[in-house]
Amino acid sequence: METTEIFGVDIHDAVMGLKQAIDDRKLIIRSPMTIRALARVRLGSDGRVDPSTVGSEVRATARAYIARQQERELEAQMAKTKENRISDLLDS
């Protein structure tokens, strides 16, 4: 059975997010194998990504993309926390 999540993200959302990032030119894929594997991803009768059509190249790329997004979110949270601490120190 194929996994239906990547790093806690539904595989449909992960693959569609990956495709959107490529369309928006936020992500550039240079590997011909990955490009072909992404083209082989199909939707099921329910309109969602069929996990059995998501190859290892696409899963690995989605993992890297999701990890980078999560890293950016964490960096933003850390910056906000630091900003709040500095503000608290200045206020006291």
PDB file of N, CA and C in Angstrom:
ATOM      1  N   MET A   1       0.840  -1.188   0.000  1.00  0.00           N
ATOM      2  CA  MET A   1       0.000   0.000   0.000  1.00  0.00           C
ATOM      3  C   MET A   1       0.888   1.255   0.000  1.00  0.00           C
ATOM      4  N   GLU A   2       0.561   2.194  -0.835  1.00  0.00           N
ATOM      5  CA  GLU A   2       1.306   3.445  -0.940  1.00  0.00           C
ATOM      6  C   GLU A   2       0.946   4.355   0.227  1.00  0.00           C
ATOM      7  N   THR A   3       1.947   5.100   0.720  1.00  0.00           N
ATOM      8  CA  THR A   3       1.674   6.053   1.786  1.00  0.00           C
ATOM      9  C   THR A   3       0.866   7.221   1.219  1.00  0.00           C
ATOM     10  N   THR A   4       0.025   7.774   2.050  1.00  0.00           N
ATOM     11  CA  THR A   4      -0.835   8.870   1.600  1.00  0.00           C
ATOM     12  C   THR A   4      -0.435  10.208   2.215  1.00  0.00           C
ATOM     13  N   GLU A   5       0.703  10.218   2.921  1.00  0.00           N
ATOM     14  CA  GLU A   5       1.194  11.462   3.510  1.00  0.00           C
ATOM     15  C   GLU A   5       2.689  11.591   3.299  1.00  0.00           C
ATOM     16  N   ILE A   6       3.138  12.821   3.230  1.00  0.00           N
ATOM     17  CA  ILE A   6       4.564  13.131   3.169  1.00  0.00           C
ATOM     18  C   ILE A   6       4.819  14.177   4.242  1.00  0.00           C
ATOM     19  N   PHE A   7       5.597  13.816   5.271  1.00  0.00           N
ATOM     20  CA  PHE A   7       5.865  14.722   6.399  1.00  0.00           C
ATOM     21  C   PHE A   7       4.583  15.269   6.998  1.00  0.00           C
ATOM     22  N   GLY A   8       3.555  14.430   7.091  1.00  0.00           N
ATOM     23  CA  GLY A   8       2.295  14.853   7.692  1.00  0.00           C
ATOM     24  C   GLY A   8       1.387  15.632   6.760  1.00  0.00           C
ATOM     25  N   VAL A   9       1.810  15.812   5.519  1.00  0.00           N
ATOM     26  CA  VAL A   9       1.007  16.533   4.531  1.00  0.00           C
ATOM     27  C   VAL A   9       0.375  15.503   3.598  1.00  0.00           C
ATOM     28  N   ASP A  10      -0.909  15.634   3.378  1.00  0.00           N
ATOM     29  CA  ASP A  10      -1.621  14.734   2.471  1.00  0.00           C
ATOM     30  C   ASP A  10      -0.922  14.719   1.118  1.00  0.00           C
ATOM     31  N   ILE A  11      -0.766  13.543   0.532  1.00  0.00           N
ATOM     32  CA  ILE A  11      -0.003  13.421  -0.714  1.00  0.00           C
ATOM     33  C   ILE A  11      -0.618  14.244  -1.849  1.00  0.00           C
ATOM     34  N   HIS A  12      -1.939  14.351  -1.862  1.00  0.00           N
ATOM     35  CA  HIS A  12      -2.597  15.177  -2.880  1.00  0.00           C
ATOM     36  C   HIS A  12      -2.155  16.628  -2.730  1.00  0.00           C
ATOM     37  N   ASP A  13      -2.222  17.134  -1.508  1.00  0.00           N
ATOM     38  CA  ASP A  13      -1.820  18.522  -1.252  1.00  0.00           C
ATOM     39  C   ASP A  13      -0.337  18.725  -1.543  1.00  0.00           C
ATOM     40  N   ALA A  14       0.485  17.732  -1.198  1.00  0.00           N
ATOM     41  CA  ALA A  14       1.926  17.837  -1.429  1.00  0.00           C
ATOM     42  C   ALA A  14       2.236  17.921  -2.921  1.00  0.00           C
ATOM     43  N   VAL A  15       1.645  17.046  -3.702  1.00  0.00           N
ATOM     44  CA  VAL A  15       1.918  17.023  -5.144  1.00  0.00           C
ATOM     45  C   VAL A  15       1.330  18.252  -5.832  1.00  0.00           C
ATOM     46  N   MET A  16       0.126  18.632  -5.460  1.00  0.00           N
ATOM     47  CA  MET A  16      -0.476  19.814  -6.079  1.00  0.00           C
ATOM     48  C   MET A  16       0.292  21.078  -5.688  1.00  0.00           C
ATOM     49  N   GLY A  17       0.753  21.143  -4.455  1.00  0.00           N
ATOM     50  CA  GLY A  17       1.571  22.271  -4.016  1.00  0.00           C
ATOM     51  C   GLY A  17       2.891  22.328  -4.770  1.00  0.00           C
ATOM     52  N   LEU A  18       3.470  21.162  -4.998  1.00  0.00           N
ATOM     53  CA  LEU A  18       4.704  21.063  -5.771  1.00  0.00           C
ATOM     54  C   LEU A  18       4.483  21.557  -7.197  1.00  0.00           C
ATOM     55  N   LYS A  19       3.409  21.103  -7.824  1.00  0.00           N
ATOM     56  CA  LYS A  19       3.095  21.549  -9.184  1.00  0.00           C
ATOM     57  C   LYS A  19       2.834  23.054  -9.232  1.00  0.00           C
ATOM     58  N   GLN A  20       2.139  23.578  -8.221  1.00  0.00           N
ATOM     59  CA  GLN A  20       1.855  25.015  -8.170  1.00  0.00           C
ATOM     60  C   GLN A  20       3.152  25.814  -8.018  1.00  0.00           C
ATOM     61  N   ALA A  21       4.053  25.323  -7.166  1.00  0.00           N
ATOM     62  CA  ALA A  21       5.340  26.005  -6.969  1.00  0.00           C
ATOM     63  C   ALA A  21       6.142  26.031  -8.273  1.00  0.00           C
ATOM     64  N   ILE A  22       6.062  24.967  -9.034  1.00  0.00           N
ATOM     65  CA  ILE A  22       6.754  24.913 -10.330  1.00  0.00           C
ATOM     66  C   ILE A  22       6.099  25.894 -11.298  1.00  0.00           C
ATOM     67  N   ASP A  23       4.774  25.892 -11.351  1.00  0.00           N
ATOM     68  CA  ASP A  23       4.053  26.819 -12.233  1.00  0.00           C
ATOM     69  C   ASP A  23       4.331  28.275 -11.877  1.00  0.00           C
ATOM     70  N   ASP A  24       4.455  28.553 -10.564  1.00  0.00           N
ATOM     71  CA  ASP A  24       4.711  29.917 -10.090  1.00  0.00           C
ATOM     72  C   ASP A  24       6.194  30.293 -10.163  1.00  0.00           C
ATOM     73  N   ARG A  25       6.999  29.358 -10.639  1.00  0.00           N
ATOM     74  CA  ARG A  25       8.455  29.544 -10.752  1.00  0.00           C
ATOM     75  C   ARG A  25       9.129  29.781  -9.401  1.00  0.00           C
ATOM     76  N   LYS A  26       8.521  29.222  -8.363  1.00  0.00           N
ATOM     77  CA  LYS A  26       9.131  29.254  -7.042  1.00  0.00           C
ATOM     78  C   LYS A  26      10.070  28.070  -6.865  1.00  0.00           C
ATOM     79  N   LEU A  27       9.922  27.093  -7.749  1.00  0.00           N
ATOM     80  CA  LEU A  27      10.731  25.883  -7.716  1.00  0.00           C
ATOM     81  C   LEU A  27      11.066  25.495  -9.147  1.00  0.00           C
ATOM     82  N   ILE A  28      12.322  25.214  -9.377  1.00  0.00           N
ATOM     83  CA  ILE A  28      12.760  24.804 -10.713  1.00  0.00           C
ATOM     84  C   ILE A  28      13.275  23.381 -10.625  1.00  0.00           C
ATOM     85  N   ILE A  29      12.711  22.513 -11.428  1.00  0.00           N
ATOM     86  CA  ILE A  29      13.126  21.113 -11.478  1.00  0.00           C
ATOM     87  C   ILE A  29      13.992  20.938 -12.728  1.00  0.00           C
ATOM     88  N   ARG A  30      15.211  20.479 -12.535  1.00  0.00           N
ATOM     89  CA  ARG A  30      16.122  20.307 -13.664  1.00  0.00           C
ATOM     90  C   ARG A  30      16.314  18.843 -14.048  1.00  0.00           C
ATOM     91  N   SER A  31      15.918  17.954 -13.182  1.00  0.00           N
ATOM     92  CA  SER A  31      16.112  16.532 -13.442  1.00  0.00           C
ATOM     93  C   SER A  31      15.059  16.012 -14.422  1.00  0.00           C
ATOM     94  N   PRO A  32      15.493  15.532 -15.590  1.00  0.00           N
ATOM     95  CA  PRO A  32      14.527  14.975 -16.550  1.00  0.00           C
ATOM     96  C   PRO A  32      13.728  13.803 -15.960  1.00  0.00           C
ATOM     97  N   MET A  33      14.377  12.997 -15.098  1.00  0.00           N
ATOM     98  CA  MET A  33      13.663  11.866 -14.485  1.00  0.00           C
ATOM     99  C   MET A  33      12.527  12.353 -13.597  1.00  0.00           C
ATOM    100  N   THR A  34      12.789  13.408 -12.834  1.00  0.00           N
ATOM    101  CA  THR A  34      11.760  13.949 -11.941  1.00  0.00           C
ATOM    102  C   THR A  34      10.643  14.594 -12.744  1.00  0.00           C
ATOM    103  N   ILE A  35      10.994  15.300 -13.799  1.00  0.00           N
ATOM    104  CA  ILE A  35       9.982  15.935 -14.658  1.00  0.00           C
ATOM    105  C   ILE A  35       9.075  14.871 -15.261  1.00  0.00           C
ATOM    106  N   ARG A  36       9.672  13.785 -15.759  1.00  0.00           N
ATOM    107  CA  ARG A  36       8.860  12.694 -16.342  1.00  0.00           C
ATOM    108  C   ARG A  36       7.998  12.034 -15.265  1.00  0.00           C
ATOM    109  N   ALA A  37       8.575  11.824 -14.087  1.00  0.00           N
ATOM    110  CA  ALA A  37       7.819  11.185 -12.992  1.00  0.00           C
ATOM    111  C   ALA A  37       6.644  12.061 -12.574  1.00  0.00           C
ATOM    112  N   LEU A  38       6.846  13.366 -12.556  1.00  0.00           N
ATOM    113  CA  LEU A  38       5.764  14.290 -12.200  1.00  0.00           C
ATOM    114  C   LEU A  38       4.659  14.260 -13.258  1.00  0.00           C
ATOM    115  N   ALA A  39       5.045  14.102 -14.510  1.00  0.00           N
ATOM    116  CA  ALA A  39       4.063  14.021 -15.598  1.00  0.00           C
ATOM    117  C   ALA A  39       3.249  12.724 -15.521  1.00  0.00           C
ATOM    118  N   ARG A  40       3.809  11.698 -14.888  1.00  0.00           N
ATOM    119  CA  ARG A  40       3.100  10.413 -14.771  1.00  0.00           C
ATOM    120  C   ARG A  40       2.090  10.378 -13.623  1.00  0.00           C
ATOM    121  N   VAL A  41       2.096  11.390 -12.768  1.00  0.00           N
ATOM    122  CA  VAL A  41       1.143  11.429 -11.648  1.00  0.00           C
ATOM    123  C   VAL A  41      -0.269  11.591 -12.213  1.00  0.00           C
ATOM    124  N   ARG A  42      -1.166  10.765 -11.745  1.00  0.00           N
ATOM    125  CA  ARG A  42      -2.550  10.777 -12.226  1.00  0.00           C
ATOM    126  C   ARG A  42      -3.512  11.009 -11.069  1.00  0.00           C
ATOM    127  N   LEU A  43      -4.676  11.512 -11.433  1.00  0.00           N
ATOM    128  CA  LEU A  43      -5.751  11.689 -10.458  1.00  0.00           C
ATOM    129  C   LEU A  43      -6.647  10.463 -10.485  1.00  0.00           C
ATOM    130  N   GLY A  44      -7.183  10.122  -9.334  1.00  0.00           N
ATOM    131  CA  GLY A  44      -8.113   9.018  -9.244  1.00  0.00           C
ATOM    132  C   GLY A  44      -9.514   9.467  -9.615  1.00  0.00           C
ATOM    133  N   SER A  45     -10.455   8.565  -9.529  1.00  0.00           N
ATOM    134  CA  SER A  45     -11.844   8.885  -9.880  1.00  0.00           C
ATOM    135  C   SER A  45     -12.451   9.914  -8.929  1.00  0.00           C
ATOM    136  N   ASP A  46     -11.834  10.053  -7.750  1.00  0.00           N
ATOM    137  CA  ASP A  46     -12.320  11.043  -6.777  1.00  0.00           C
ATOM    138  C   ASP A  46     -11.726  12.436  -7.017  1.00  0.00           C
ATOM    139  N   GLY A  47     -10.891  12.566  -8.042  1.00  0.00           N
ATOM    140  CA  GLY A  47     -10.297  13.857  -8.368  1.00  0.00           C
ATOM    141  C   GLY A  47      -9.056  14.186  -7.558  1.00  0.00           C
ATOM    142  N   ARG A  48      -8.614  13.236  -6.754  1.00  0.00           N
ATOM    143  CA  ARG A  48      -7.417  13.444  -5.938  1.00  0.00           C
ATOM    144  C   ARG A  48      -6.260  12.633  -6.499  1.00  0.00           C
ATOM    145  N   VAL A  49      -5.045  13.016  -6.142  1.00  0.00           N
ATOM    146  CA  VAL A  49      -3.859  12.317  -6.646  1.00  0.00           C
ATOM    147  C   VAL A  49      -3.919  10.852  -6.233  1.00  0.00           C
ATOM    148  N   ASP A  50      -3.666   9.976  -7.195  1.00  0.00           N
ATOM    149  CA  ASP A  50      -3.601   8.540  -6.936  1.00  0.00           C
ATOM    150  C   ASP A  50      -2.196   8.236  -6.409  1.00  0.00           C
ATOM    151  N   PRO A  51      -2.054   7.876  -5.124  1.00  0.00           N
ATOM    152  CA  PRO A  51      -0.725   7.649  -4.536  1.00  0.00           C
ATOM    153  C   PRO A  51       0.109   6.607  -5.280  1.00  0.00           C
ATOM    154  N   SER A  52      -0.536   5.652  -5.931  1.00  0.00           N
ATOM    155  CA  SER A  52       0.215   4.618  -6.640  1.00  0.00           C
ATOM    156  C   SER A  52       0.916   5.158  -7.883  1.00  0.00           C
ATOM    157  N   THR A  53       0.547   6.361  -8.323  1.00  0.00           N
ATOM    158  CA  THR A  53       1.191   6.949  -9.509  1.00  0.00           C
ATOM    159  C   THR A  53       2.287   7.946  -9.134  1.00  0.00           C
ATOM    160  N   VAL A  54       2.503   8.138  -7.839  1.00  0.00           N
ATOM    161  CA  VAL A  54       3.520   9.084  -7.374  1.00  0.00           C
ATOM    162  C   VAL A  54       4.816   8.315  -7.134  1.00  0.00           C
ATOM    163  N   GLY A  55       5.778   8.509  -8.031  1.00  0.00           N
ATOM    164  CA  GLY A  55       7.047   7.803  -7.954  1.00  0.00           C
ATOM    165  C   GLY A  55       7.983   8.366  -6.896  1.00  0.00           C
ATOM    166  N   SER A  56       9.068   7.649  -6.676  1.00  0.00           N
ATOM    167  CA  SER A  56      10.025   8.043  -5.634  1.00  0.00           C
ATOM    168  C   SER A  56      10.663   9.398  -5.919  1.00  0.00           C
ATOM    169  N   GLU A  57      10.857   9.730  -7.195  1.00  0.00           N
ATOM    170  CA  GLU A  57      11.444  11.032  -7.533  1.00  0.00           C
ATOM    171  C   GLU A  57      10.535  12.172  -7.084  1.00  0.00           C
ATOM    172  N   VAL A  58       9.238  12.008  -7.322  1.00  0.00           N
ATOM    173  CA  VAL A  58       8.269  13.035  -6.939  1.00  0.00           C
ATOM    174  C   VAL A  58       8.153  13.106  -5.419  1.00  0.00           C
ATOM    175  N   ARG A  59       8.128  11.957  -4.765  1.00  0.00           N
ATOM    176  CA  ARG A  59       8.040  11.926  -3.303  1.00  0.00           C
ATOM    177  C   ARG A  59       9.266  12.617  -2.679  1.00  0.00           C
ATOM    178  N   ALA A  60      10.440  12.342  -3.207  1.00  0.00           N
ATOM    179  CA  ALA A  60      11.661  12.957  -2.676  1.00  0.00           C
ATOM    180  C   ALA A  60      11.647  14.470  -2.890  1.00  0.00           C
ATOM    181  N   THR A  61      11.216  14.901  -4.062  1.00  0.00           N
ATOM    182  CA  THR A  61      11.144  16.338  -4.346  1.00  0.00           C
ATOM    183  C   THR A  61      10.114  17.005  -3.450  1.00  0.00           C
ATOM    184  N   ALA A  62       8.977  16.345  -3.256  1.00  0.00           N
ATOM    185  CA  ALA A  62       7.940  16.894  -2.371  1.00  0.00           C
ATOM    186  C   ALA A  62       8.449  16.976  -0.937  1.00  0.00           C
ATOM    187  N   ARG A  63       9.183  15.939  -0.493  1.00  0.00           N
ATOM    188  CA  ARG A  63       9.751  15.976   0.861  1.00  0.00           C
ATOM    189  C   ARG A  63      10.677  17.173   1.033  1.00  0.00           C
ATOM    190  N   ALA A  64      11.548  17.371   0.059  1.00  0.00           N
ATOM    191  CA  ALA A  64      12.498  18.490   0.136  1.00  0.00           C
ATOM    192  C   ALA A  64      11.758  19.829   0.127  1.00  0.00           C
ATOM    193  N   TYR A  65      10.746  19.952  -0.712  1.00  0.00           N
ATOM    194  CA  TYR A  65       9.987  21.203  -0.799  1.00  0.00           C
ATOM    195  C   TYR A  65       9.223  21.473   0.500  1.00  0.00           C
ATOM    196  N   ILE A  66       8.584  20.448   1.030  1.00  0.00           N
ATOM    197  CA  ILE A  66       7.840  20.595   2.285  1.00  0.00           C
ATOM    198  C   ILE A  66       8.793  20.937   3.426  1.00  0.00           C
ATOM    199  N   ALA A  67       9.936  20.260   3.478  1.00  0.00           N
ATOM    200  CA  ALA A  67      10.910  20.535   4.536  1.00  0.00           C
ATOM    201  C   ALA A  67      11.389  21.986   4.459  1.00  0.00           C
ATOM    202  N   ARG A  68      11.620  22.474   3.257  1.00  0.00           N
ATOM    203  CA  ARG A  68      12.069  23.862   3.108  1.00  0.00           C
ATOM    204  C   ARG A  68      10.966  24.836   3.534  1.00  0.00           C
ATOM    205  N   GLN A  69       9.723  24.538   3.193  1.00  0.00           N
ATOM    206  CA  GLN A  69       8.609  25.391   3.625  1.00  0.00           C
ATOM    207  C   GLN A  69       8.509  25.409   5.147  1.00  0.00           C
ATOM    208  N   GLN A  70       8.628  24.232   5.770  1.00  0.00           N
ATOM    209  CA  GLN A  70       8.549  24.148   7.218  1.00  0.00           C
ATOM    210  C   GLN A  70       9.718  24.895   7.869  1.00  0.00           C
ATOM    211  N   GLU A  71      10.890  24.815   7.246  1.00  0.00           N
ATOM    212  CA  GLU A  71      12.052  25.535   7.755  1.00  0.00           C
ATOM    213  C   GLU A  71      11.831  27.045   7.697  1.00  0.00           C
ATOM    214  N   ARG A  72      11.254  27.516   6.609  1.00  0.00           N
ATOM    215  CA  ARG A  72      10.960  28.944   6.482  1.00  0.00           C
ATOM    216  C   ARG A  72       9.950  29.398   7.525  1.00  0.00           C
ATOM    217  N   GLU A  73       8.927  28.580   7.765  1.00  0.00           N
ATOM    218  CA  GLU A  73       7.930  28.910   8.779  1.00  0.00           C
ATOM    219  C   GLU A  73       8.570  28.980  10.165  1.00  0.00           C
ATOM    220  N   LEU A  74       9.449  28.042  10.457  1.00  0.00           N
ATOM    221  CA  LEU A  74      10.138  28.025  11.741  1.00  0.00           C
ATOM    222  C   LEU A  74      11.035  29.252  11.886  1.00  0.00           C
ATOM    223  N   GLU A  75      11.752  29.600  10.824  1.00  0.00           N
ATOM    224  CA  GLU A  75      12.601  30.800  10.854  1.00  0.00           C
ATOM    225  C   GLU A  75      11.770  32.053  11.117  1.00  0.00           C
ATOM    226  N   ALA A  76      10.599  32.142  10.499  1.00  0.00           N
ATOM    227  CA  ALA A  76       9.719  33.297  10.704  1.00  0.00           C
ATOM    228  C   ALA A  76       9.222  33.338  12.148  1.00  0.00           C
ATOM    229  N   GLN A  77       8.871  32.183  12.699  1.00  0.00           N
ATOM    230  CA  GLN A  77       8.417  32.130  14.097  1.00  0.00           C
ATOM    231  C   GLN A  77       9.540  32.534  15.046  1.00  0.00           C
ATOM    232  N   MET A  78      10.751  32.062  14.761  1.00  0.00           N
ATOM    233  CA  MET A  78      11.893  32.396  15.616  1.00  0.00           C
ATOM    234  C   MET A  78      12.190  33.895  15.550  1.00  0.00           C
ATOM    235  N   ALA A  79      12.106  34.473  14.371  1.00  0.00           N
ATOM    236  CA  ALA A  79      12.346  35.915  14.225  1.00  0.00           C
ATOM    237  C   ALA A  79      11.298  36.714  14.983  1.00  0.00           C
ATOM    238  N   LYS A  80      10.054  36.255  14.923  1.00  0.00           N
ATOM    239  CA  LYS A  80       8.978  36.952  15.630  1.00  0.00           C
ATOM    240  C   LYS A  80       9.173  36.843  17.142  1.00  0.00           C
ATOM    241  N   THR A  81       9.570  35.672  17.615  1.00  0.00           N
ATOM    242  CA  THR A  81       9.833  35.478  19.039  1.00  0.00           C
ATOM    243  C   THR A  81      10.973  36.382  19.499  1.00  0.00           C
ATOM    244  N   LYS A  82      12.021  36.438  18.705  1.00  0.00           N
ATOM    245  CA  LYS A  82      13.163  37.297  19.031  1.00  0.00           C
ATOM    246  C   LYS A  82      12.731  38.766  19.068  1.00  0.00           C
ATOM    247  N   GLU A  83      11.936  39.152  18.097  1.00  0.00           N
ATOM    248  CA  GLU A  83      11.426  40.517  18.029  1.00  0.00           C
ATOM    249  C   GLU A  83      10.584  40.843  19.266  1.00  0.00           C
ATOM    250  N   ASN A  84       9.741  39.902  19.677  1.00  0.00           N
ATOM    251  CA  ASN A  84       8.902  40.099  20.867  1.00  0.00           C
ATOM    252  C   ASN A  84       9.746  40.220  22.132  1.00  0.00           C
ATOM    253  N   ARG A  85      10.802  39.401  22.229  1.00  0.00           N
ATOM    254  CA  ARG A  85      11.671  39.464  23.411  1.00  0.00           C
ATOM    255  C   ARG A  85      12.378  40.802  23.483  1.00  0.00           C
ATOM    256  N   ILE A  86      12.867  41.272  22.345  1.00  0.00           N
ATOM    257  CA  ILE A  86      13.550  42.566  22.313  1.00  0.00           C
ATOM    258  C   ILE A  86      12.573  43.671  22.710  1.00  0.00           C
ATOM    259  N   SER A  87      11.364  43.609  22.180  1.00  0.00           N
ATOM    260  CA  SER A  87      10.339  44.594  22.508  1.00  0.00           C
ATOM    261  C   SER A  87      10.026  44.563  24.003  1.00  0.00           C
ATOM    262  N   ASP A  88       9.918  43.370  24.578  1.00  0.00           N
ATOM    263  CA  ASP A  88       9.655  43.238  26.014  1.00  0.00           C
ATOM    264  C   ASP A  88      10.776  43.839  26.848  1.00  0.00           C
ATOM    265  N   LEU A  89      12.023  43.624  26.416  1.00  0.00           N
ATOM    266  CA  LEU A  89      13.169  44.169  27.138  1.00  0.00           C
ATOM    267  C   LEU A  89      13.188  45.695  27.083  1.00  0.00           C
ATOM    268  N   LEU A  90      12.847  46.237  25.932  1.00  0.00           N
ATOM    269  CA  LEU A  90      12.840  47.684  25.774  1.00  0.00           C
ATOM    270  C   LEU A  90      11.708  48.335  26.558  1.00  0.00           C
ATOM    271  N   ASP A  91      10.603  47.604  26.695  1.00  0.00           N
ATOM    272  CA  ASP A  91       9.451  48.139  27.421  1.00  0.00           C
ATOM    273  C   ASP A  91       9.659  48.130  28.934  1.00  0.00           C
ATOM    274  N   SER A  92      10.532  47.256  29.426  1.00  0.00           N
ATOM    275  CA  SER A  92      10.706  47.157  30.878  1.00  0.00           C
ATOM    276  C   SER A  92      11.775  48.078  31.419  1.00  0.00           C
TER     277      SER A  92
END
